[in-house]
Amino acid sequence: MKETTMGKIIIEFDSVEESVDARTALDGYKWKLAMWDLDQELRGTVKYSKSLLSHDDQADEMEMNVADKMREKIREILDSYGLNLID
């Protein structure tokens, strides 16, 4: 049986000023999760007519269309950076 091991990634930042860059690098996965959550909220509006504006109301056709367009825009922007929500 062949054993595979994960590679090691080392990120170095040389100064206190670069600490923001370090935090950004380390928080990348959190950003992806936040975008996933936003996409799922918009999906709920598109698929289930769940209003983003009020928890008690159904989304109207205009809100569902805007939610659908926003999901498309999110994917377009992510794609322009070589990113996606699936991988």
N, C-alpha and C. Protein backbone atom coordinates (compact mmCIF):
# COMPACT_ATOMS: atom_id res chain seq x y z
N MET A 1 0.84 -1.17 0.00
CA MET A 1 0.00 0.00 0.00
C MET A 1 0.89 1.24 0.00
N LYS A 2 0.65 2.13 -0.94
CA LYS A 2 1.45 3.34 -1.05
C LYS A 2 0.88 4.42 -0.12
N GLU A 3 1.75 5.01 0.68
CA GLU A 3 1.32 6.06 1.61
C GLU A 3 1.63 7.42 0.98
N THR A 4 0.64 8.30 1.02
CA THR A 4 0.86 9.65 0.50
C THR A 4 0.90 10.62 1.67
N THR A 5 1.73 11.61 1.53
CA THR A 5 1.83 12.62 2.58
C THR A 5 1.52 13.99 1.98
N MET A 6 1.04 14.86 2.83
CA MET A 6 0.73 16.22 2.41
C MET A 6 2.01 17.03 2.39
N GLY A 7 2.09 17.94 1.43
CA GLY A 7 3.22 18.84 1.38
C GLY A 7 3.11 19.91 2.45
N LYS A 8 4.18 20.61 2.65
CA LYS A 8 4.21 21.66 3.65
C LYS A 8 4.29 23.00 2.94
N ILE A 9 3.49 23.94 3.38
CA ILE A 9 3.52 25.29 2.84
C ILE A 9 3.97 26.22 3.95
N ILE A 10 4.99 27.00 3.65
CA ILE A 10 5.49 27.97 4.61
C ILE A 10 5.28 29.37 4.04
N ILE A 11 4.61 30.20 4.82
CA ILE A 11 4.38 31.58 4.43
C ILE A 11 5.17 32.46 5.39
N GLU A 12 6.05 33.26 4.83
CA GLU A 12 6.87 34.13 5.68
C GLU A 12 6.56 35.59 5.39
N PHE A 13 6.47 36.37 6.44
CA PHE A 13 6.31 37.81 6.34
C PHE A 13 7.36 38.44 7.22
N ASP A 14 8.07 39.42 6.70
CA ASP A 14 9.25 39.95 7.37
C ASP A 14 9.02 41.09 8.34
N SER A 15 7.88 41.73 8.31
CA SER A 15 7.72 42.91 9.16
C SER A 15 6.32 42.96 9.76
N VAL A 16 6.19 43.81 10.75
CA VAL A 16 4.89 44.01 11.39
C VAL A 16 3.90 44.56 10.37
N GLU A 17 4.39 45.42 9.46
CA GLU A 17 3.51 46.00 8.44
C GLU A 17 2.89 44.93 7.54
N GLU A 18 3.59 43.82 7.39
CA GLU A 18 3.08 42.74 6.56
C GLU A 18 2.12 41.82 7.31
N SER A 19 1.83 42.13 8.56
CA SER A 19 0.94 41.27 9.35
C SER A 19 -0.46 41.23 8.76
N VAL A 20 -0.90 42.31 8.13
CA VAL A 20 -2.21 42.32 7.46
C VAL A 20 -2.19 41.31 6.32
N ASP A 21 -1.11 41.28 5.56
CA ASP A 21 -0.99 40.31 4.47
C ASP A 21 -0.99 38.88 5.02
N ALA A 22 -0.33 38.69 6.14
CA ALA A 22 -0.31 37.36 6.76
C ALA A 22 -1.71 36.94 7.18
N ARG A 23 -2.43 37.84 7.81
CA ARG A 23 -3.80 37.53 8.26
C ARG A 23 -4.68 37.23 7.06
N THR A 24 -4.53 38.00 5.97
CA THR A 24 -5.31 37.75 4.76
C THR A 24 -5.02 36.36 4.21
N ALA A 25 -3.74 35.99 4.17
CA ALA A 25 -3.36 34.67 3.67
C ALA A 25 -3.95 33.56 4.54
N LEU A 26 -3.90 33.74 5.83
CA LEU A 26 -4.41 32.72 6.74
C LEU A 26 -5.93 32.64 6.76
N ASP A 27 -6.60 33.75 6.47
CA ASP A 27 -8.06 33.78 6.51
C ASP A 27 -8.72 33.43 5.18
N GLY A 28 -7.95 33.00 4.19
CA GLY A 28 -8.50 32.69 2.88
C GLY A 28 -9.67 31.71 2.93
N TYR A 29 -9.55 30.67 3.74
CA TYR A 29 -10.61 29.67 3.83
C TYR A 29 -11.88 30.27 4.44
N LYS A 30 -11.71 31.18 5.41
CA LYS A 30 -12.87 31.83 6.00
C LYS A 30 -13.61 32.68 4.97
N TRP A 31 -12.84 33.35 4.10
CA TRP A 31 -13.46 34.13 3.04
C TRP A 31 -14.27 33.23 2.11
N LYS A 32 -13.72 32.08 1.80
CA LYS A 32 -14.44 31.14 0.93
C LYS A 32 -15.73 30.67 1.60
N LEU A 33 -15.66 30.35 2.88
CA LEU A 33 -16.86 29.93 3.60
C LEU A 33 -17.91 31.04 3.65
N ALA A 34 -17.46 32.27 3.85
CA ALA A 34 -18.39 33.40 3.88
C ALA A 34 -19.08 33.58 2.53
N MET A 35 -18.32 33.44 1.44
CA MET A 35 -18.91 33.55 0.10
C MET A 35 -19.89 32.39 -0.15
N TRP A 36 -19.53 31.20 0.35
CA TRP A 36 -20.42 30.05 0.23
C TRP A 36 -21.74 30.32 0.95
N ASP A 37 -21.66 30.85 2.16
CA ASP A 37 -22.86 31.16 2.93
C ASP A 37 -23.73 32.19 2.21
N LEU A 38 -23.10 33.22 1.67
CA LEU A 38 -23.84 34.23 0.91
C LEU A 38 -24.53 33.59 -0.30
N ASP A 39 -23.80 32.77 -1.03
CA ASP A 39 -24.38 32.09 -2.19
C ASP A 39 -25.56 31.22 -1.78
N GLN A 40 -25.46 30.54 -0.65
CA GLN A 40 -26.55 29.67 -0.21
C GLN A 40 -27.77 30.48 0.22
N GLU A 41 -27.56 31.65 0.81
CA GLU A 41 -28.69 32.54 1.13
C GLU A 41 -29.41 32.96 -0.16
N LEU A 42 -28.63 33.35 -1.16
CA LEU A 42 -29.21 33.74 -2.44
C LEU A 42 -29.90 32.56 -3.12
N ARG A 43 -29.31 31.37 -3.00
CA ARG A 43 -29.92 30.16 -3.56
C ARG A 43 -31.28 29.89 -2.93
N GLY A 44 -31.37 30.09 -1.60
CA GLY A 44 -32.64 29.89 -0.91
C GLY A 44 -33.72 30.82 -1.45
N THR A 45 -33.32 32.01 -1.83
CA THR A 45 -34.28 32.95 -2.41
C THR A 45 -34.72 32.48 -3.79
N VAL A 46 -33.75 32.07 -4.60
CA VAL A 46 -34.05 31.64 -5.97
C VAL A 46 -34.86 30.35 -5.97
N LYS A 47 -34.44 29.37 -5.19
CA LYS A 47 -35.06 28.04 -5.25
C LYS A 47 -36.33 27.91 -4.41
N TYR A 48 -36.35 28.55 -3.25
CA TYR A 48 -37.47 28.34 -2.32
C TYR A 48 -38.29 29.59 -2.05
N SER A 49 -38.02 30.66 -2.79
CA SER A 49 -38.72 31.94 -2.60
C SER A 49 -38.58 32.47 -1.17
N LYS A 50 -37.45 32.17 -0.53
CA LYS A 50 -37.19 32.62 0.83
C LYS A 50 -36.66 34.06 0.76
N SER A 51 -37.38 34.99 1.34
CA SER A 51 -37.00 36.39 1.25
C SER A 51 -35.74 36.67 2.07
N LEU A 52 -34.83 37.45 1.49
CA LEU A 52 -33.66 37.92 2.22
C LEU A 52 -34.00 39.13 3.07
N LEU A 53 -35.09 39.80 2.74
CA LEU A 53 -35.45 41.05 3.38
C LEU A 53 -36.26 40.86 4.65
N SER A 54 -37.03 39.78 4.70
CA SER A 54 -37.87 39.52 5.87
C SER A 54 -37.97 38.02 6.08
N HIS A 55 -37.82 37.58 7.30
CA HIS A 55 -37.88 36.15 7.59
C HIS A 55 -39.30 35.59 7.48
N ASP A 56 -40.29 36.47 7.54
CA ASP A 56 -41.68 36.01 7.53
C ASP A 56 -42.30 36.01 6.14
N ASP A 57 -41.67 36.68 5.19
CA ASP A 57 -42.28 36.86 3.87
C ASP A 57 -41.64 35.97 2.82
N GLN A 58 -42.43 35.71 1.79
CA GLN A 58 -41.93 35.03 0.61
C GLN A 58 -41.29 36.08 -0.29
N ALA A 59 -40.25 35.68 -1.02
CA ALA A 59 -39.61 36.58 -1.98
C ALA A 59 -40.54 36.75 -3.18
N ASP A 60 -40.60 37.98 -3.67
CA ASP A 60 -41.37 38.20 -4.89
C ASP A 60 -40.48 37.91 -6.11
N GLU A 61 -41.06 37.98 -7.28
CA GLU A 61 -40.33 37.63 -8.50
C GLU A 61 -39.10 38.52 -8.70
N MET A 62 -39.23 39.79 -8.40
CA MET A 62 -38.11 40.70 -8.57
C MET A 62 -36.94 40.32 -7.64
N GLU A 63 -37.24 40.01 -6.39
CA GLU A 63 -36.20 39.63 -5.44
C GLU A 63 -35.53 38.33 -5.89
N MET A 64 -36.31 37.39 -6.39
CA MET A 64 -35.73 36.13 -6.86
C MET A 64 -34.82 36.37 -8.06
N ASN A 65 -35.23 37.25 -8.97
CA ASN A 65 -34.40 37.57 -10.14
C ASN A 65 -33.10 38.25 -9.74
N VAL A 66 -33.19 39.18 -8.80
CA VAL A 66 -31.97 39.87 -8.33
C VAL A 66 -31.04 38.87 -7.64
N ALA A 67 -31.59 37.98 -6.83
CA ALA A 67 -30.77 36.97 -6.15
C ALA A 67 -30.07 36.08 -7.17
N ASP A 68 -30.78 35.69 -8.21
CA ASP A 68 -30.20 34.85 -9.25
C ASP A 68 -29.08 35.59 -9.98
N LYS A 69 -29.30 36.84 -10.30
CA LYS A 69 -28.27 37.65 -10.97
C LYS A 69 -27.04 37.83 -10.07
N MET A 70 -27.27 38.00 -8.77
CA MET A 70 -26.16 38.16 -7.84
C MET A 70 -25.34 36.88 -7.74
N ARG A 71 -26.00 35.74 -7.76
CA ARG A 71 -25.26 34.47 -7.76
C ARG A 71 -24.40 34.35 -9.01
N GLU A 72 -24.95 34.76 -10.16
CA GLU A 72 -24.17 34.74 -11.40
C GLU A 72 -22.98 35.68 -11.30
N LYS A 73 -23.19 36.87 -10.74
CA LYS A 73 -22.12 37.86 -10.62
C LYS A 73 -21.02 37.37 -9.68
N ILE A 74 -21.40 36.75 -8.58
CA ILE A 74 -20.41 36.19 -7.66
C ILE A 74 -19.52 35.19 -8.39
N ARG A 75 -20.14 34.30 -9.15
CA ARG A 75 -19.36 33.30 -9.88
C ARG A 75 -18.47 33.94 -10.94
N GLU A 76 -18.98 34.96 -11.60
CA GLU A 76 -18.21 35.68 -12.61
C GLU A 76 -16.96 36.33 -11.98
N ILE A 77 -17.15 36.99 -10.85
CA ILE A 77 -16.03 37.64 -10.17
C ILE A 77 -15.02 36.60 -9.68
N LEU A 78 -15.50 35.54 -9.04
CA LEU A 78 -14.60 34.50 -8.58
C LEU A 78 -13.82 33.89 -9.74
N ASP A 79 -14.50 33.64 -10.84
CA ASP A 79 -13.86 33.07 -12.01
C ASP A 79 -12.76 33.98 -12.54
N SER A 80 -12.99 35.30 -12.49
CA SER A 80 -11.98 36.25 -12.98
C SER A 80 -10.70 36.18 -12.15
N TYR A 81 -10.79 35.69 -10.92
CA TYR A 81 -9.62 35.51 -10.05
C TYR A 81 -9.13 34.06 -10.04
N GLY A 82 -9.74 33.22 -10.89
CA GLY A 82 -9.35 31.81 -10.93
C GLY A 82 -9.84 31.03 -9.73
N LEU A 83 -10.94 31.48 -9.12
CA LEU A 83 -11.50 30.84 -7.94
C LEU A 83 -12.88 30.28 -8.23
N ASN A 84 -13.34 29.37 -7.38
CA ASN A 84 -14.71 28.90 -7.44
C ASN A 84 -15.14 28.42 -6.07
N LEU A 85 -16.43 28.22 -5.91
CA LEU A 85 -16.96 27.82 -4.61
C LEU A 85 -16.96 26.31 -4.40
N ILE A 86 -16.77 25.55 -5.44
CA ILE A 86 -16.91 24.10 -5.37
C ILE A 86 -15.64 23.42 -4.87
N ASP A 87 -14.49 23.76 -5.39
CA ASP A 87 -13.23 23.09 -5.01
C ASP A 87 -12.77 23.51 -3.64
